[in-house]
Amino acid sequence: DIAPAARDRVADGGTLHWAVDAVPETLNTFQADADATTTTVAQAVLPSMYRLDVNGRPQVNPAYLESAKVVETEPEQVVLYKLNQQAVWSDGREIGAADFAAQWRALSGKDSAYWTARNAGYDRIEKIERGANDLQVKVTFARPYADWRSLFSPLYPKDVMGTPDSFNDSARKKLKVTAGPFRLKKVDRKDEEVVLDRNPRWWGHPAKLNEIVLRAV
């Protein structure tokens, strides 16, 4: 059903109009009323440490991650992430351990003030620390978690995940800080559309499209 084309065969520019069921109620994928469109927006404008390949297997996303591997299994499972040094949020701050730690605390299930819908994996993390430098993040699990590659995809900035109030409200209608090939241009509830445009600060391969318009049909 899909005919892949090499990147150099795809024209540069243009707008993709994409039919969706509805304008999402929230742009936070970890909330109960998040839907498929929430996920679509998040994949375009936020970091994902891993992406699924055509066979459904997680692959390192080099735009954000140089490598990630289990460096210890005893007495506890420890995963060391080495981040791409070019990866920055739209406000200029480097993506780093503080963002990983804020997301873990929000999704750990230990604080009911966070209105979270899913905690799988995050509830097994014991601690998150800075590694040997700012580009390394060390994640220690209290109990082994085989599917650790599914975590931190998407990754929200600490501004969203840092407190219950910001988690519950700040990413419902807008995303002030992003870090993807696209950025969130507008959410128009009157015309029932979400508009994404190219991120001029993107450090990876520039997006081919100028805009993506997600329109409720």
Protein backbone atom coordinates (compact mmCIF):
# COMPACT_ATOMS: atom_id res chain seq x y z
CA ASP A 1 0.00 0.00 0.00
CA ILE A 2 3.02 2.31 0.32
CA ALA A 3 5.44 3.21 -2.47
CA PRO A 4 8.60 4.60 -0.83
CA ALA A 5 10.55 7.25 -2.74
CA ALA A 6 14.15 8.33 -2.17
CA ARG A 7 14.45 11.72 -0.50
CA ASP A 8 16.14 13.29 -3.54
CA ARG A 9 13.11 12.41 -5.69
CA VAL A 10 10.71 14.39 -3.50
CA ALA A 11 10.03 18.00 -4.53
CA ASP A 12 10.92 20.75 -2.07
CA GLY A 13 8.14 22.93 -0.66
CA GLY A 14 4.36 22.81 -0.84
CA THR A 15 1.55 22.18 1.64
CA LEU A 16 0.12 18.81 2.65
CA HIS A 17 -3.56 18.84 3.61
CA TRP A 18 -4.15 15.93 5.98
CA ALA A 19 -7.66 14.88 7.01
CA VAL A 20 -8.06 14.06 10.72
CA ASP A 21 -11.08 13.16 12.83
CA ALA A 22 -10.93 16.25 15.04
CA VAL A 23 -8.74 19.04 16.36
CA PRO A 24 -7.17 17.41 19.43
CA GLU A 25 -8.40 18.34 22.89
CA THR A 26 -4.83 18.17 24.17
CA LEU A 27 -1.33 18.28 22.67
CA ASN A 28 0.03 16.21 25.59
CA THR A 29 0.15 12.59 24.43
CA PHE A 30 0.31 11.33 28.03
CA GLN A 31 -3.16 12.62 28.97
CA ALA A 32 -6.33 10.54 28.89
CA ASP A 33 -8.06 12.54 26.14
CA ALA A 34 -5.08 12.51 23.75
CA ASP A 35 -5.93 11.07 20.34
CA ALA A 36 -4.20 10.02 17.11
CA THR A 37 -3.87 13.65 15.99
CA THR A 38 -2.14 14.51 19.27
CA THR A 39 0.43 11.84 18.40
CA THR A 40 0.80 13.09 14.82
CA VAL A 41 1.56 16.62 16.02
CA ALA A 42 3.99 15.35 18.68
CA GLN A 43 5.91 13.27 16.13
CA ALA A 44 6.41 16.36 13.95
CA VAL A 45 7.39 18.91 16.60
CA LEU A 46 8.93 17.01 19.54
CA PRO A 47 11.97 14.75 20.04
CA SER A 48 11.64 10.97 19.78
CA MET A 49 14.68 9.00 20.87
CA TYR A 50 13.57 6.05 18.75
CA ARG A 51 11.42 5.64 15.66
CA LEU A 52 9.87 2.42 14.38
CA ASP A 53 11.20 1.11 11.07
CA VAL A 54 9.11 -0.54 8.33
CA ASN A 55 9.20 -3.81 10.29
CA GLY A 56 8.02 -2.18 13.51
CA ARG A 57 11.43 -2.37 15.18
CA PRO A 58 12.70 0.65 17.15
CA GLN A 59 15.69 2.40 15.59
CA VAL A 60 17.84 5.17 17.07
CA ASN A 61 16.72 8.59 15.83
CA PRO A 62 20.08 10.23 14.98
CA ALA A 63 18.61 13.74 15.02
CA TYR A 64 18.44 13.47 18.82
CA LEU A 65 20.47 10.45 19.83
CA GLU A 66 24.00 9.33 19.01
CA SER A 67 23.59 6.08 20.90
CA ALA A 68 21.74 4.39 23.76
CA LYS A 69 22.68 1.09 25.36
CA VAL A 70 22.37 -0.96 28.52
CA VAL A 71 25.70 -0.43 30.30
CA GLU A 72 24.87 -2.38 33.49
CA THR A 73 22.50 -5.21 34.32
CA GLU A 74 23.60 -6.00 37.89
CA PRO A 75 22.65 -5.03 40.50
CA GLU A 76 20.31 -2.84 38.44
CA GLN A 77 19.64 -2.15 34.77
CA VAL A 78 21.31 1.11 33.67
CA VAL A 79 20.82 2.70 30.24
CA LEU A 80 23.20 5.40 29.02
CA TYR A 81 21.89 7.85 26.42
CA LYS A 82 24.37 9.94 24.40
CA LEU A 83 22.55 12.89 22.85
CA ASN A 84 23.21 14.70 19.59
CA GLN A 85 25.06 17.88 20.58
CA GLN A 86 23.12 19.87 17.96
CA ALA A 87 19.75 18.98 19.50
CA VAL A 88 18.19 22.07 21.08
CA TRP A 89 14.74 23.27 22.06
CA SER A 90 13.24 26.18 20.13
CA ASP A 91 14.20 28.54 22.98
CA GLY A 92 17.88 27.67 22.41
CA ARG A 93 18.35 25.42 25.45
CA GLU A 94 20.10 22.08 24.95
CA ILE A 95 18.00 18.95 25.30
CA GLY A 96 19.38 17.15 28.34
CA ALA A 97 19.06 15.19 31.58
CA ALA A 98 16.76 17.78 33.18
CA ASP A 99 14.10 17.08 30.51
CA PHE A 100 14.43 13.30 30.93
CA ALA A 101 14.17 13.62 34.73
CA ALA A 102 11.12 15.91 34.60
CA GLN A 103 9.29 13.50 32.27
CA TRP A 104 10.13 10.54 34.52
CA ARG A 105 8.84 12.32 37.65
CA ALA A 106 5.63 13.34 35.92
CA LEU A 107 4.95 9.84 34.56
CA SER A 108 6.27 7.73 37.44
CA GLY A 109 2.77 7.33 38.91
CA LYS A 110 4.00 8.42 42.34
CA ASP A 111 2.32 11.85 42.31
CA SER A 112 -1.43 11.79 41.67
CA ALA A 113 -1.42 15.55 41.04
CA TYR A 114 -0.19 14.74 37.52
CA TRP A 115 -3.19 13.73 35.40
CA THR A 116 -1.41 10.99 33.48
CA ALA A 117 -3.01 8.26 31.41
CA ARG A 118 -0.02 5.94 30.96
CA ASN A 119 3.04 5.24 33.07
CA ALA A 120 4.42 2.00 31.58
CA GLY A 121 8.17 1.82 32.03
CA TYR A 122 8.49 5.18 33.75
CA ASP A 123 7.15 3.56 36.94
CA ARG A 124 10.20 1.23 36.94
CA ILE A 125 12.82 3.99 36.86
CA GLU A 126 14.69 4.57 40.13
CA LYS A 127 16.72 7.63 39.18
CA ILE A 128 17.99 9.73 36.27
CA GLU A 129 21.37 11.46 36.39
CA ARG A 130 23.63 13.51 34.18
CA GLY A 131 26.40 11.31 32.76
CA ALA A 132 30.03 12.26 32.21
CA ASN A 133 28.91 15.47 30.45
CA ASP A 134 25.80 17.44 29.53
CA LEU A 135 25.16 15.22 26.51
CA GLN A 136 24.92 12.01 28.56
CA VAL A 137 21.85 10.85 30.46
CA LYS A 138 22.07 7.87 32.81
CA VAL A 139 18.78 6.09 33.57
CA THR A 140 18.73 3.52 36.40
CA PHE A 141 15.79 1.11 36.64
CA ALA A 142 14.62 -0.31 39.98
CA ARG A 143 13.30 -3.32 38.02
CA PRO A 144 14.52 -4.43 34.58
CA TYR A 145 12.46 -3.08 31.68
CA ALA A 146 12.94 -4.83 28.34
CA ASP A 147 11.01 -2.22 26.35
CA TRP A 148 13.13 0.74 27.50
CA ARG A 149 13.50 1.95 23.90
CA SER A 150 9.84 3.00 23.95
CA LEU A 151 10.51 5.62 26.63
CA PHE A 152 11.11 9.36 26.03
CA SER A 153 9.35 9.25 22.66
CA PRO A 154 8.00 11.86 22.51
CA LEU A 155 10.06 13.88 24.96
CA TYR A 156 8.46 17.06 26.30
CA PRO A 157 10.52 19.97 27.66
CA LYS A 158 10.91 20.32 31.43
CA ASP A 159 8.77 23.48 31.14
CA VAL A 160 5.80 21.16 30.44
CA MET A 161 6.69 18.21 32.65
CA GLY A 162 8.23 20.09 35.59
CA THR A 163 5.14 20.69 37.75
CA PRO A 164 1.63 19.20 37.96
CA ASP A 165 0.07 22.52 36.91
CA SER A 166 2.23 22.84 33.80
CA PHE A 167 1.76 19.16 32.92
CA ASN A 168 -2.01 19.32 33.31
CA ASP A 169 -2.60 22.60 31.47
CA SER A 170 0.33 24.14 29.59
CA ALA A 171 0.43 21.67 26.68
CA ARG A 172 -3.28 21.22 26.14
CA LYS A 173 -3.88 24.06 23.68
CA LYS A 174 -0.36 25.08 22.64
CA LEU A 175 3.29 24.06 22.73
CA LYS A 176 5.50 27.06 23.46
CA VAL A 177 8.76 25.12 23.23
CA THR A 178 9.35 22.42 20.59
CA ALA A 179 12.29 20.67 18.90
CA GLY A 180 11.35 18.99 15.66
CA PRO A 181 11.60 19.44 11.88
CA PHE A 182 8.27 21.25 12.13
CA ARG A 183 6.89 23.71 14.67
CA LEU A 184 3.34 24.37 15.78
CA LYS A 185 2.19 27.45 13.85
CA LYS A 186 -1.42 27.55 15.06
CA VAL A 187 -4.34 25.58 16.47
CA ASP A 188 -7.51 27.03 14.99
CA ARG A 189 -10.58 25.62 16.70
CA LYS A 190 -12.94 27.86 14.73
CA ASP A 191 -11.76 26.59 11.34
CA GLU A 192 -10.99 23.16 12.86
CA GLU A 193 -7.39 22.89 11.74
CA VAL A 194 -3.88 22.59 13.11
CA VAL A 195 -1.08 24.14 11.05
CA LEU A 196 2.55 23.01 11.27
CA ASP A 197 5.35 24.79 9.41
CA ARG A 198 9.06 24.19 8.86
CA ASN A 199 11.29 24.85 11.86
CA PRO A 200 13.98 27.31 10.67
CA ARG A 201 16.26 26.24 13.55
CA TRP A 202 16.10 22.54 12.69
CA TRP A 203 19.58 21.00 12.62
CA GLY A 204 18.76 17.80 10.73
CA HIS A 205 17.62 17.25 7.13
CA PRO A 206 15.18 20.11 6.42
CA ALA A 207 11.57 19.05 6.02
CA LYS A 208 10.53 18.79 2.38
CA LEU A 209 7.13 20.40 2.99
CA ASN A 210 6.62 24.06 3.88
CA GLU A 211 3.45 23.30 5.82
CA ILE A 212 1.21 20.50 7.02
CA VAL A 213 -2.43 21.42 7.58
CA LEU A 214 -4.31 18.90 9.71
CA ARG A 215 -7.98 19.58 9.00
CA ALA A 216 -10.90 18.02 10.86
CA VAL A 217 -13.21 16.24 8.40
